[in-house]
Amino acid sequence: MKTAVLAAVVLLLGPGTVVPAGTVASGCGPAAVAVADRTLYEGTPAPGERGYTTFEFTVSVTAAAGCAPTGSVAYKTEDGVPGATTPADYVPAEGRLTWTGDAGPRTVAVQVVKDAAGEPDEAFLLRLSDPVGLVLGDDLAAGGILDDDGAAALPIKVSTDGGKICWHVCTVGVGLDSGGPAKAPVTVHYRTLPLGTGEPAYVPVKDAVVTIPAGASGTGAVVKLLDPRPGQVESGFVLELFSPSAGTLGNARTEVTIKPGG
């Protein structure tokens, strides 16, 4: 069983080990606890910096109708065999999660080390153990680390569209130069930079985020335009991308022209 589970994890698809619940007393028995797989791009650090991508694993409990989960479970990361290893690929994490009557999920955060080297996709493990007042359901999750630096496909580059003309609503395209679709969500921040010295005809953006979802190759960055003023002439701004969660930036800036009519 152990060999089969580890082999599946290397493929980033493996389900966790199922542990029998055992005998359940009448009334409310122990709730079952399970952890879900998490797959993200590794990320590329800014030049001269050491960065991390946060993998958030969801740990949930399932109790019988009308019953409230009460108990705790331990968690700990493990290296993949073969696969990601610590400290080169991720920061080890361990601890304990507790439920005291609420059925909400808990989150375990694991920091994965960003790098700029092309390498195969890898995986590490997150294992649940030592349940108290709970029973183990899916106790093993794979942390799938996807390469974004060009080991098996084109490296990811996040870019804006070319020049843009806007009248009432301004949405600037943001997409993957690598063609996509994305294997996991890719986020990127954007902001507006003024053109000229006149009063802006738009609502400035200091730091907003858009997400290219898994399975898509692009999205749109929205900037709100103000109602035209009497005598308003053509104006504009620059939309700039920064801090992508995966890969690097391609065309990071697009000049936008605002037409007061149309």
Protein backbone atom coordinates (compact mmCIF):
# COMPACT_ATOMS: atom_id res chain seq x y z
CA MET A 1 0.00 0.00 0.00
CA LYS A 2 2.76 2.46 0.90
CA THR A 3 4.56 1.88 -2.41
CA ALA A 4 1.34 2.37 -4.37
CA VAL A 5 0.50 5.61 -2.55
CA LEU A 6 3.94 7.10 -3.11
CA ALA A 7 3.90 6.16 -6.78
CA ALA A 8 0.58 7.90 -7.19
CA VAL A 9 1.83 10.99 -5.41
CA VAL A 10 4.70 11.34 -7.86
CA LEU A 11 2.01 11.60 -10.55
CA LEU A 12 0.35 14.34 -8.45
CA LEU A 13 -2.88 12.35 -8.51
CA GLY A 14 -2.74 9.93 -5.59
CA PRO A 15 -5.58 9.67 -3.07
CA GLY A 16 -4.72 9.33 0.58
CA THR A 17 -4.78 6.16 2.60
CA VAL A 18 -8.25 5.24 3.87
CA VAL A 19 -8.31 4.18 7.49
CA PRO A 20 -11.41 2.30 8.77
CA ALA A 21 -13.45 4.23 11.28
CA GLY A 22 -13.90 1.24 13.52
CA THR A 23 -16.87 0.72 15.80
CA VAL A 24 -19.08 3.76 16.25
CA ALA A 25 -21.22 4.06 19.35
CA SER A 26 -24.88 4.90 19.09
CA GLY A 27 -25.68 8.57 18.73
CA CYS A 28 -22.88 10.87 17.58
CA GLY A 29 -19.72 9.01 16.70
CA PRO A 30 -16.31 10.53 15.87
CA ALA A 31 -16.23 12.76 12.80
CA ALA A 32 -14.01 11.80 9.87
CA VAL A 33 -11.12 14.10 8.98
CA ALA A 34 -9.58 14.42 5.50
CA VAL A 35 -6.97 16.51 3.68
CA ALA A 36 -7.16 17.52 0.02
CA ASP A 37 -4.33 17.67 -2.55
CA ARG A 38 -2.97 21.07 -3.58
CA THR A 39 -1.19 21.80 -6.87
CA LEU A 40 0.34 25.18 -7.78
CA TYR A 41 3.15 26.62 -9.85
CA GLU A 42 6.44 26.88 -8.00
CA GLY A 43 6.96 30.55 -8.84
CA THR A 44 10.05 32.49 -9.92
CA PRO A 45 11.72 34.88 -7.45
CA ALA A 46 12.59 38.47 -8.28
CA PRO A 47 16.28 38.93 -9.12
CA GLY A 48 18.40 38.80 -5.97
CA GLU A 49 15.51 37.71 -3.73
CA ARG A 50 14.52 34.42 -2.11
CA GLY A 51 10.78 34.02 -2.40
CA TYR A 52 8.14 31.49 -1.44
CA THR A 53 4.82 30.31 -2.81
CA THR A 54 2.26 29.41 -0.14
CA PHE A 55 0.49 26.08 -0.63
CA GLU A 56 -2.70 26.06 1.47
CA PHE A 57 -4.10 22.60 2.15
CA THR A 58 -7.73 22.27 3.23
CA VAL A 59 -8.41 19.86 6.10
CA SER A 60 -12.10 19.14 6.58
CA VAL A 61 -14.26 17.12 8.97
CA THR A 62 -17.48 15.26 8.20
CA ALA A 63 -19.85 14.50 11.07
CA ALA A 64 -23.21 12.77 11.14
CA ALA A 65 -26.28 14.98 10.70
CA GLY A 66 -26.97 16.93 13.86
CA CYS A 67 -23.57 16.08 15.35
CA ALA A 68 -20.75 18.52 16.05
CA PRO A 69 -17.12 17.46 15.49
CA THR A 70 -14.88 17.58 18.53
CA GLY A 71 -11.25 16.49 18.52
CA SER A 72 -7.86 17.08 16.98
CA VAL A 73 -5.39 15.63 14.50
CA ALA A 74 -1.66 16.06 13.90
CA TYR A 75 -0.14 16.96 10.53
CA LYS A 76 3.38 16.83 9.13
CA THR A 77 5.05 17.28 5.75
CA GLU A 78 7.19 14.54 4.18
CA ASP A 79 9.54 14.48 1.21
CA GLY A 80 8.30 12.87 -2.00
CA VAL A 81 9.93 9.54 -2.95
CA PRO A 82 11.23 10.60 -5.44
CA GLY A 83 10.12 14.19 -5.51
CA ALA A 84 10.46 17.46 -3.62
CA THR A 85 12.82 17.55 -0.65
CA THR A 86 13.39 19.96 2.21
CA PRO A 87 14.98 22.48 2.56
CA ALA A 88 15.78 22.82 -1.15
CA ASP A 89 12.16 22.70 -2.36
CA TYR A 90 9.91 23.51 0.61
CA VAL A 91 9.93 24.50 4.28
CA PRO A 92 8.84 21.61 6.54
CA ALA A 93 5.68 22.12 8.57
CA GLU A 94 4.04 20.22 11.39
CA GLY A 95 1.46 20.92 14.07
CA ARG A 96 -2.00 20.04 15.29
CA LEU A 97 -5.50 21.09 14.23
CA THR A 98 -8.43 21.22 16.65
CA TRP A 99 -12.23 21.27 16.35
CA THR A 100 -14.39 22.19 19.34
CA GLY A 101 -17.91 21.89 17.96
CA ASP A 102 -17.71 23.84 14.70
CA ALA A 103 -17.54 21.94 11.42
CA GLY A 104 -15.50 24.48 9.47
CA PRO A 105 -12.40 23.42 7.52
CA ARG A 106 -8.89 24.17 8.73
CA THR A 107 -5.94 25.29 6.60
CA VAL A 108 -2.33 24.12 6.67
CA ALA A 109 0.12 26.48 4.93
CA VAL A 110 3.39 25.16 3.51
CA GLN A 111 6.02 27.46 1.99
CA VAL A 112 7.47 26.24 -1.32
CA VAL A 113 10.79 27.75 -2.41
CA LYS A 114 10.66 29.73 -5.65
CA ASP A 115 13.50 29.29 -8.13
CA ALA A 116 14.39 30.18 -11.72
CA ALA A 117 15.70 26.75 -12.75
CA GLY A 118 13.83 24.55 -15.18
CA GLU A 119 13.12 21.20 -13.50
CA PRO A 120 10.53 18.42 -13.60
CA ASP A 121 7.25 18.73 -11.74
CA GLU A 122 7.67 17.46 -8.17
CA ALA A 123 5.58 16.58 -5.14
CA PHE A 124 5.85 16.53 -1.37
CA LEU A 125 3.38 15.00 1.08
CA LEU A 126 1.20 16.25 3.90
CA ARG A 127 0.14 13.44 6.25
CA LEU A 128 -2.47 13.46 9.01
CA SER A 129 -1.94 11.24 12.07
CA ASP A 130 -2.71 10.71 15.76
CA PRO A 131 -6.42 11.56 15.72
CA VAL A 132 -8.07 12.29 19.06
CA GLY A 133 -11.87 12.18 19.04
CA LEU A 134 -11.80 11.89 15.24
CA VAL A 135 -11.17 9.12 12.70
CA LEU A 136 -8.91 9.36 9.67
CA GLY A 137 -10.54 9.41 6.26
CA ASP A 138 -8.20 10.68 3.55
CA ASP A 139 -5.04 11.15 5.59
CA LEU A 140 -2.48 11.81 2.83
CA ALA A 141 -2.30 14.76 0.40
CA ALA A 142 0.09 15.53 -2.42
CA GLY A 143 1.62 18.99 -2.75
CA GLY A 144 2.11 19.16 -6.52
CA ILE A 145 4.83 21.65 -7.49
CA LEU A 146 4.50 22.63 -11.16
CA ASP A 147 7.54 23.98 -13.00
CA ASP A 148 7.07 27.42 -14.60
CA ASP A 149 10.61 27.92 -15.93
CA GLY A 150 10.55 25.84 -19.13
CA ALA A 151 11.66 22.33 -18.19
CA ALA A 152 8.94 20.50 -20.11
CA ALA A 153 7.08 23.35 -21.85
CA LEU A 154 7.51 27.01 -22.72
CA PRO A 155 8.33 29.12 -19.64
CA ILE A 156 5.42 31.14 -18.34
CA LYS A 157 5.38 34.84 -19.17
CA VAL A 158 2.50 37.09 -18.13
CA SER A 159 1.76 40.02 -20.46
CA THR A 160 -0.79 42.70 -21.22
CA ASP A 161 -2.41 43.28 -24.59
CA GLY A 162 -1.07 45.97 -26.87
CA GLY A 163 -2.36 49.56 -26.96
CA LYS A 164 -5.96 50.01 -25.84
CA ILE A 165 -8.69 52.59 -26.50
CA CYS A 166 -11.49 52.91 -23.94
CA TRP A 167 -14.78 54.84 -23.85
CA HIS A 168 -17.05 53.82 -20.97
CA VAL A 169 -15.48 50.73 -19.40
CA CYS A 170 -11.80 49.83 -19.63
CA THR A 171 -10.71 46.20 -19.48
CA VAL A 172 -7.12 45.46 -20.48
CA GLY A 173 -6.34 41.89 -21.48
CA VAL A 174 -3.82 39.97 -19.38
CA GLY A 175 -2.61 36.61 -20.67
CA LEU A 176 0.11 33.98 -20.88
CA ASP A 177 2.70 34.39 -23.64
CA SER A 178 3.32 30.65 -23.33
CA GLY A 179 -0.08 30.11 -24.90
CA GLY A 180 -1.67 28.33 -21.97
CA PRO A 181 -3.90 27.07 -20.77
CA ALA A 182 -2.65 27.40 -17.22
CA LYS A 183 -2.30 24.13 -15.29
CA ALA A 184 -2.96 25.96 -12.01
CA PRO A 185 -4.16 29.49 -11.14
CA VAL A 186 -1.74 32.32 -11.98
CA THR A 187 -2.17 35.67 -10.23
CA VAL A 188 -0.59 39.00 -11.15
CA HIS A 189 -0.82 42.47 -9.62
CA TYR A 190 -1.52 45.61 -11.64
CA ARG A 191 -1.55 49.37 -11.16
CA THR A 192 -2.13 52.51 -13.20
CA LEU A 193 0.52 55.13 -13.99
CA PRO A 194 -0.51 58.64 -15.09
CA LEU A 195 0.14 60.08 -18.52
CA GLY A 196 0.50 63.85 -18.57
CA THR A 197 -0.32 66.26 -15.74
CA GLY A 198 -4.04 66.83 -16.16
CA GLU A 199 -6.82 65.61 -13.91
CA PRO A 200 -7.27 61.87 -14.49
CA ALA A 201 -10.42 60.62 -16.21
CA TYR A 202 -10.23 57.29 -14.39
CA VAL A 203 -10.01 55.91 -10.87
CA PRO A 204 -6.30 55.28 -10.17
CA VAL A 205 -5.35 51.74 -9.15
CA LYS A 206 -2.48 51.33 -6.68
CA ASP A 207 -2.47 47.55 -6.31
CA ALA A 208 -5.13 45.19 -7.66
CA VAL A 209 -4.90 41.49 -8.47
CA VAL A 210 -6.31 39.41 -11.32
CA THR A 211 -6.29 35.62 -11.60
CA ILE A 212 -5.89 33.52 -14.72
CA PRO A 213 -7.73 30.36 -13.64
CA ALA A 214 -6.59 26.83 -14.34
CA GLY A 215 -7.67 25.85 -17.83
CA ALA A 216 -7.65 29.44 -19.13
CA SER A 217 -4.95 31.43 -20.93
CA GLY A 218 -6.05 34.96 -20.06
CA THR A 219 -8.27 37.35 -18.12
CA GLY A 220 -8.89 41.09 -17.89
CA ALA A 221 -7.68 43.92 -15.65
CA VAL A 222 -10.48 46.43 -15.04
CA VAL A 223 -9.99 50.18 -14.53
CA LYS A 224 -13.05 52.31 -13.76
CA LEU A 225 -13.50 55.37 -15.95
CA LEU A 226 -15.12 58.57 -14.65
CA ASP A 227 -18.09 60.21 -16.33
CA PRO A 228 -16.90 62.66 -19.01
CA ARG A 229 -16.58 66.27 -17.92
CA PRO A 230 -17.66 69.20 -20.11
CA GLY A 231 -14.88 70.03 -22.53
CA GLN A 232 -12.90 66.90 -21.64
CA VAL A 233 -10.26 66.00 -24.19
CA GLU A 234 -8.58 62.73 -24.98
CA SER A 235 -6.36 61.47 -22.15
CA GLY A 236 -4.86 58.23 -20.94
CA PHE A 237 -2.80 56.17 -18.52
CA VAL A 238 -0.43 53.22 -18.45
CA LEU A 239 -1.47 49.90 -17.00
CA GLU A 240 1.51 48.09 -15.46
CA LEU A 241 1.74 44.48 -14.32
CA PHE A 242 3.97 43.36 -11.42
CA SER A 243 4.56 40.44 -9.04
CA PRO A 244 3.24 37.45 -10.99
CA SER A 245 2.73 34.28 -8.94
CA ALA A 246 4.32 32.14 -11.65
CA GLY A 247 6.96 32.70 -14.30
CA THR A 248 8.11 36.17 -15.30
CA LEU A 249 6.67 39.26 -16.98
CA GLY A 250 6.64 39.67 -20.74
CA ASN A 251 5.02 42.89 -21.97
CA ALA A 252 4.35 44.43 -18.57
CA ARG A 253 2.97 47.80 -19.69
CA THR A 254 0.12 48.89 -21.96
CA GLU A 255 -0.74 52.49 -22.84
CA VAL A 256 -4.47 53.17 -22.64
CA THR A 257 -6.20 56.04 -24.45
CA ILE A 258 -9.46 57.35 -23.01
CA LYS A 259 -11.93 58.83 -25.50
CA PRO A 260 -14.42 61.23 -23.83
CA GLY A 261 -17.21 60.33 -26.29
CA GLY A 262 -18.14 57.32 -28.35
